[in-house]
Amino acid sequence: MNAVFVLPRLYLGLIFAVSVYAKLTAPGGFAPRMSGFLTQVALQNGFPWYADFVRNTVLPHAGVFSTLVIAGEVTVAITLLLGLATRAGAALAILLLLNYASAKGMLPWSPASNDWADIVLALLVIASAAGRSFGLDALLAARFPRAILW
């Protein structure tokens, strides 16, 4: 049964890998691009509570937050592609995707919101223990069967 959920796991891992690659190779670094996006999108369209968070916390510390976003996306990509601590990686993916959706002001039923569709996929990955099929979680589950991370 878990093998069915390998595709959503790999799909999400690939999405995060492609996304973080673009951030790592951005001319001038990712922080200016992130600040521009947040100023043009999150402050204009984001949920009001999220816009306040961006204005008062994120933008003044854009360098720190851009590093956190990159670290989070690298972690998600590695965990999901390798099937290593897959549930933790999918949970981190949900946290990142909730931030992205909040910045855009997208509700779950918004037709243009891929973030919410990806959250559903991440929930399926968590519920199915998708890393136990064609992933390193299978080895970890055999050694540590009671751990919930795999």
C-alpha atoms as a PDB file:
ATOM      1  CA  MET A   1       0.000   0.000   0.000  1.00  0.00           C
ATOM      2  CA  ASN A   2       2.800   2.465   0.806  1.00  0.00           C
ATOM      3  CA  ALA A   3       4.257   2.015  -2.681  1.00  0.00           C
ATOM      4  CA  VAL A   4       1.300   3.949  -4.139  1.00  0.00           C
ATOM      5  CA  PHE A   5       2.439   7.019  -2.206  1.00  0.00           C
ATOM      6  CA  VAL A   6       6.015   6.935  -3.478  1.00  0.00           C
ATOM      7  CA  LEU A   7       4.999   9.095  -6.453  1.00  0.00           C
ATOM      8  CA  PRO A   8       3.572  11.971  -4.355  1.00  0.00           C
ATOM      9  CA  ARG A   9       6.669  11.763  -2.126  1.00  0.00           C
ATOM     10  CA  LEU A  10       9.038  11.961  -5.090  1.00  0.00           C
ATOM     11  CA  TYR A  11       6.930  14.638  -6.795  1.00  0.00           C
ATOM     12  CA  LEU A  12       7.055  16.893  -3.730  1.00  0.00           C
ATOM     13  CA  GLY A  13      10.760  16.219  -3.260  1.00  0.00           C
ATOM     14  CA  LEU A  14      11.426  17.171  -6.866  1.00  0.00           C
ATOM     15  CA  ILE A  15       9.339  20.351  -6.597  1.00  0.00           C
ATOM     16  CA  PHE A  16      11.328  21.459  -3.561  1.00  0.00           C
ATOM     17  CA  ALA A  17      14.643  20.491  -5.204  1.00  0.00           C
ATOM     18  CA  VAL A  18      13.879  22.568  -8.312  1.00  0.00           C
ATOM     19  CA  SER A  19      12.644  25.452  -6.164  1.00  0.00           C
ATOM     20  CA  VAL A  20      15.702  25.543  -3.920  1.00  0.00           C
ATOM     21  CA  TYR A  21      18.062  25.204  -6.895  1.00  0.00           C
ATOM     22  CA  ALA A  22      16.593  28.416  -8.330  1.00  0.00           C
ATOM     23  CA  LYS A  23      17.110  30.137  -4.985  1.00  0.00           C
ATOM     24  CA  LEU A  24      20.706  28.927  -4.632  1.00  0.00           C
ATOM     25  CA  THR A  25      21.640  30.052  -8.134  1.00  0.00           C
ATOM     26  CA  ALA A  26      19.810  33.398  -8.074  1.00  0.00           C
ATOM     27  CA  PRO A  27      22.102  36.234  -9.199  1.00  0.00           C
ATOM     28  CA  GLY A  28      22.755  38.456  -6.196  1.00  0.00           C
ATOM     29  CA  GLY A  29      21.416  35.858  -3.777  1.00  0.00           C
ATOM     30  CA  PHE A  30      17.945  34.892  -2.702  1.00  0.00           C
ATOM     31  CA  ALA A  31      17.368  37.514   0.022  1.00  0.00           C
ATOM     32  CA  PRO A  32      16.705  40.414  -2.402  1.00  0.00           C
ATOM     33  CA  ARG A  33      14.330  38.251  -4.477  1.00  0.00           C
ATOM     34  CA  MET A  34      12.501  37.125  -1.348  1.00  0.00           C
ATOM     35  CA  SER A  35      12.219  40.715  -0.096  1.00  0.00           C
ATOM     36  CA  GLY A  36      10.842  41.829  -3.457  1.00  0.00           C
ATOM     37  CA  PHE A  37       8.282  39.029  -3.508  1.00  0.00           C
ATOM     38  CA  LEU A  38       7.189  39.754   0.035  1.00  0.00           C
ATOM     39  CA  THR A  39       6.907  43.485  -0.625  1.00  0.00           C
ATOM     40  CA  GLN A  40       5.026  43.094  -3.916  1.00  0.00           C
ATOM     41  CA  VAL A  41       2.894  40.061  -3.061  1.00  0.00           C
ATOM     42  CA  ALA A  42       2.643  39.354   0.670  1.00  0.00           C
ATOM     43  CA  LEU A  43       2.168  42.977   1.731  1.00  0.00           C
ATOM     44  CA  GLN A  44      -0.394  43.495  -1.051  1.00  0.00           C
ATOM     45  CA  ASN A  45      -2.291  40.190  -1.185  1.00  0.00           C
ATOM     46  CA  GLY A  46      -1.317  38.198   1.905  1.00  0.00           C
ATOM     47  CA  PHE A  47      -3.597  37.608   4.834  1.00  0.00           C
ATOM     48  CA  PRO A  48      -3.566  40.708   7.086  1.00  0.00           C
ATOM     49  CA  TRP A  49      -2.022  38.874  10.047  1.00  0.00           C
ATOM     50  CA  TYR A  50       0.663  37.451   7.748  1.00  0.00           C
ATOM     51  CA  ALA A  51       1.404  40.843   6.181  1.00  0.00           C
ATOM     52  CA  ASP A  52       2.002  42.208   9.695  1.00  0.00           C
ATOM     53  CA  PHE A  53       4.394  39.329  10.415  1.00  0.00           C
ATOM     54  CA  VAL A  54       6.237  39.981   7.147  1.00  0.00           C
ATOM     55  CA  ARG A  55       6.443  43.739   7.723  1.00  0.00           C
ATOM     56  CA  ASN A  56       7.533  43.587  11.365  1.00  0.00           C
ATOM     57  CA  THR A  57       9.600  40.393  11.520  1.00  0.00           C
ATOM     58  CA  VAL A  58      10.629  38.943   8.185  1.00  0.00           C
ATOM     59  CA  LEU A  59      11.631  41.979   6.110  1.00  0.00           C
ATOM     60  CA  PRO A  60      13.866  43.497   8.812  1.00  0.00           C
ATOM     61  CA  HIS A  61      15.693  40.146   8.983  1.00  0.00           C
ATOM     62  CA  ALA A  62      15.440  39.081   5.341  1.00  0.00           C
ATOM     63  CA  GLY A  63      18.904  37.526   5.282  1.00  0.00           C
ATOM     64  CA  VAL A  64      18.101  35.209   8.185  1.00  0.00           C
ATOM     65  CA  PHE A  65      14.707  34.227   6.802  1.00  0.00           C
ATOM     66  CA  SER A  66      16.043  33.624   3.297  1.00  0.00           C
ATOM     67  CA  THR A  67      18.632  31.268   4.794  1.00  0.00           C
ATOM     68  CA  LEU A  68      15.894  29.492   6.765  1.00  0.00           C
ATOM     69  CA  VAL A  69      13.752  29.069   3.647  1.00  0.00           C
ATOM     70  CA  ILE A  70      16.680  27.615   1.711  1.00  0.00           C
ATOM     71  CA  ALA A  71      17.616  25.282   4.575  1.00  0.00           C
ATOM     72  CA  GLY A  72      14.000  24.161   4.880  1.00  0.00           C
ATOM     73  CA  GLU A  73      13.616  23.495   1.173  1.00  0.00           C
ATOM     74  CA  VAL A  74      16.925  21.595   0.999  1.00  0.00           C
ATOM     75  CA  THR A  75      15.838  19.478   3.964  1.00  0.00           C
ATOM     76  CA  VAL A  76      12.445  18.717   2.433  1.00  0.00           C
ATOM     77  CA  ALA A  77      13.981  17.825  -0.937  1.00  0.00           C
ATOM     78  CA  ILE A  78      16.558  15.477   0.589  1.00  0.00           C
ATOM     79  CA  THR A  79      14.195  13.761   3.020  1.00  0.00           C
ATOM     80  CA  LEU A  80      11.470  13.182   0.448  1.00  0.00           C
ATOM     81  CA  LEU A  81      13.710  12.134  -2.429  1.00  0.00           C
ATOM     82  CA  LEU A  82      15.672   9.707  -0.263  1.00  0.00           C
ATOM     83  CA  GLY A  83      12.699   8.555   1.794  1.00  0.00           C
ATOM     84  CA  LEU A  84      14.652   9.428   4.943  1.00  0.00           C
ATOM     85  CA  ALA A  85      12.652  10.677   7.945  1.00  0.00           C
ATOM     86  CA  THR A  86       9.915  11.195   5.396  1.00  0.00           C
ATOM     87  CA  ARG A  87       7.199  12.191   7.832  1.00  0.00           C
ATOM     88  CA  ALA A  88       9.366  14.941   9.328  1.00  0.00           C
ATOM     89  CA  GLY A  89      10.246  16.172   5.836  1.00  0.00           C
ATOM     90  CA  ALA A  90       6.595  16.212   4.789  1.00  0.00           C
ATOM     91  CA  ALA A  91       5.651  18.083   7.979  1.00  0.00           C
ATOM     92  CA  LEU A  92       8.311  20.707   7.197  1.00  0.00           C
ATOM     93  CA  ALA A  93       6.940  20.901   3.652  1.00  0.00           C
ATOM     94  CA  ILE A  94       3.508  21.675   5.083  1.00  0.00           C
ATOM     95  CA  LEU A  95       4.952  24.464   7.229  1.00  0.00           C
ATOM     96  CA  LEU A  96       6.701  26.012   4.228  1.00  0.00           C
ATOM     97  CA  LEU A  97       3.659  25.628   1.985  1.00  0.00           C
ATOM     98  CA  LEU A  98       1.379  27.235   4.586  1.00  0.00           C
ATOM     99  CA  ASN A  99       3.739  30.213   4.608  1.00  0.00           C
ATOM    100  CA  TYR A 100       3.715  30.428   0.813  1.00  0.00           C
ATOM    101  CA  ALA A 101      -0.098  30.243   0.663  1.00  0.00           C
ATOM    102  CA  SER A 102      -0.421  32.841   3.439  1.00  0.00           C
ATOM    103  CA  ALA A 103       1.935  35.202   1.618  1.00  0.00           C
ATOM    104  CA  LYS A 104      -0.248  34.940  -1.490  1.00  0.00           C
ATOM    105  CA  GLY A 105      -3.499  35.205   0.465  1.00  0.00           C
ATOM    106  CA  MET A 106      -4.681  31.940  -1.080  1.00  0.00           C
ATOM    107  CA  LEU A 107      -7.495  30.028   0.566  1.00  0.00           C
ATOM    108  CA  PRO A 108      -7.686  26.224   0.206  1.00  0.00           C
ATOM    109  CA  TRP A 109     -10.425  26.417  -2.404  1.00  0.00           C
ATOM    110  CA  SER A 110      -8.587  28.958  -4.591  1.00  0.00           C
ATOM    111  CA  PRO A 111      -8.242  27.401  -8.041  1.00  0.00           C
ATOM    112  CA  ALA A 112      -4.777  28.922  -8.574  1.00  0.00           C
ATOM    113  CA  SER A 113      -3.329  27.583  -5.324  1.00  0.00           C
ATOM    114  CA  ASN A 114      -0.872  24.775  -5.950  1.00  0.00           C
ATOM    115  CA  ASP A 115       0.375  25.242  -2.389  1.00  0.00           C
ATOM    116  CA  TRP A 116      -2.815  23.786  -0.926  1.00  0.00           C
ATOM    117  CA  ALA A 117      -2.792  20.855  -3.342  1.00  0.00           C
ATOM    118  CA  ASP A 118       0.807  20.150  -2.316  1.00  0.00           C
ATOM    119  CA  ILE A 119      -0.224  20.303   1.347  1.00  0.00           C
ATOM    120  CA  VAL A 120      -2.768  17.554   0.656  1.00  0.00           C
ATOM    121  CA  LEU A 121      -0.041  15.480  -0.996  1.00  0.00           C
ATOM    122  CA  ALA A 122       2.258  16.043   1.999  1.00  0.00           C
ATOM    123  CA  LEU A 123      -0.528  14.919   4.349  1.00  0.00           C
ATOM    124  CA  LEU A 124      -0.903  11.737   2.293  1.00  0.00           C
ATOM    125  CA  VAL A 125       2.843  11.151   2.500  1.00  0.00           C
ATOM    126  CA  ILE A 126       2.736  11.534   6.287  1.00  0.00           C
ATOM    127  CA  ALA A 127      -0.293   9.290   6.723  1.00  0.00           C
ATOM    128  CA  SER A 128       1.030   6.573   4.425  1.00  0.00           C
ATOM    129  CA  ALA A 129       4.606   6.367   5.713  1.00  0.00           C
ATOM    130  CA  ALA A 130       5.644   6.668   2.070  1.00  0.00           C
ATOM    131  CA  GLY A 131       9.349   6.487   2.884  1.00  0.00           C
ATOM    132  CA  ARG A 132       9.044   2.828   3.777  1.00  0.00           C
ATOM    133  CA  SER A 133       8.677   1.943   0.104  1.00  0.00           C
ATOM    134  CA  PHE A 134      11.735   2.590  -2.042  1.00  0.00           C
ATOM    135  CA  GLY A 135      13.243   4.745   0.682  1.00  0.00           C
ATOM    136  CA  LEU A 136      15.699   4.647   3.538  1.00  0.00           C
ATOM    137  CA  ASP A 137      12.850   4.700   6.042  1.00  0.00           C
ATOM    138  CA  ALA A 138      12.327   0.988   5.345  1.00  0.00           C
ATOM    139  CA  LEU A 139      15.757   0.254   6.830  1.00  0.00           C
ATOM    140  CA  LEU A 140      15.132   2.545   9.783  1.00  0.00           C
ATOM    141  CA  ALA A 141      11.675   1.090  10.422  1.00  0.00           C
ATOM    142  CA  ALA A 142      13.171  -2.406  10.566  1.00  0.00           C
ATOM    143  CA  ARG A 143      15.760  -1.251  13.109  1.00  0.00           C
ATOM    144  CA  PHE A 144      13.520   1.134  15.089  1.00  0.00           C
ATOM    145  CA  PRO A 145       9.936  -0.045  14.475  1.00  0.00           C
ATOM    146  CA  ARG A 146       8.275   2.259  17.032  1.00  0.00           C
ATOM    147  CA  ALA A 147       9.720   5.552  15.786  1.00  0.00           C
ATOM    148  CA  ILE A 148       7.090   7.763  14.141  1.00  0.00           C
ATOM    149  CA  LEU A 149       9.492   9.620  11.844  1.00  0.00           C
ATOM    150  CA  TRP A 150       9.457   6.714   9.410  1.00  0.00           C
END
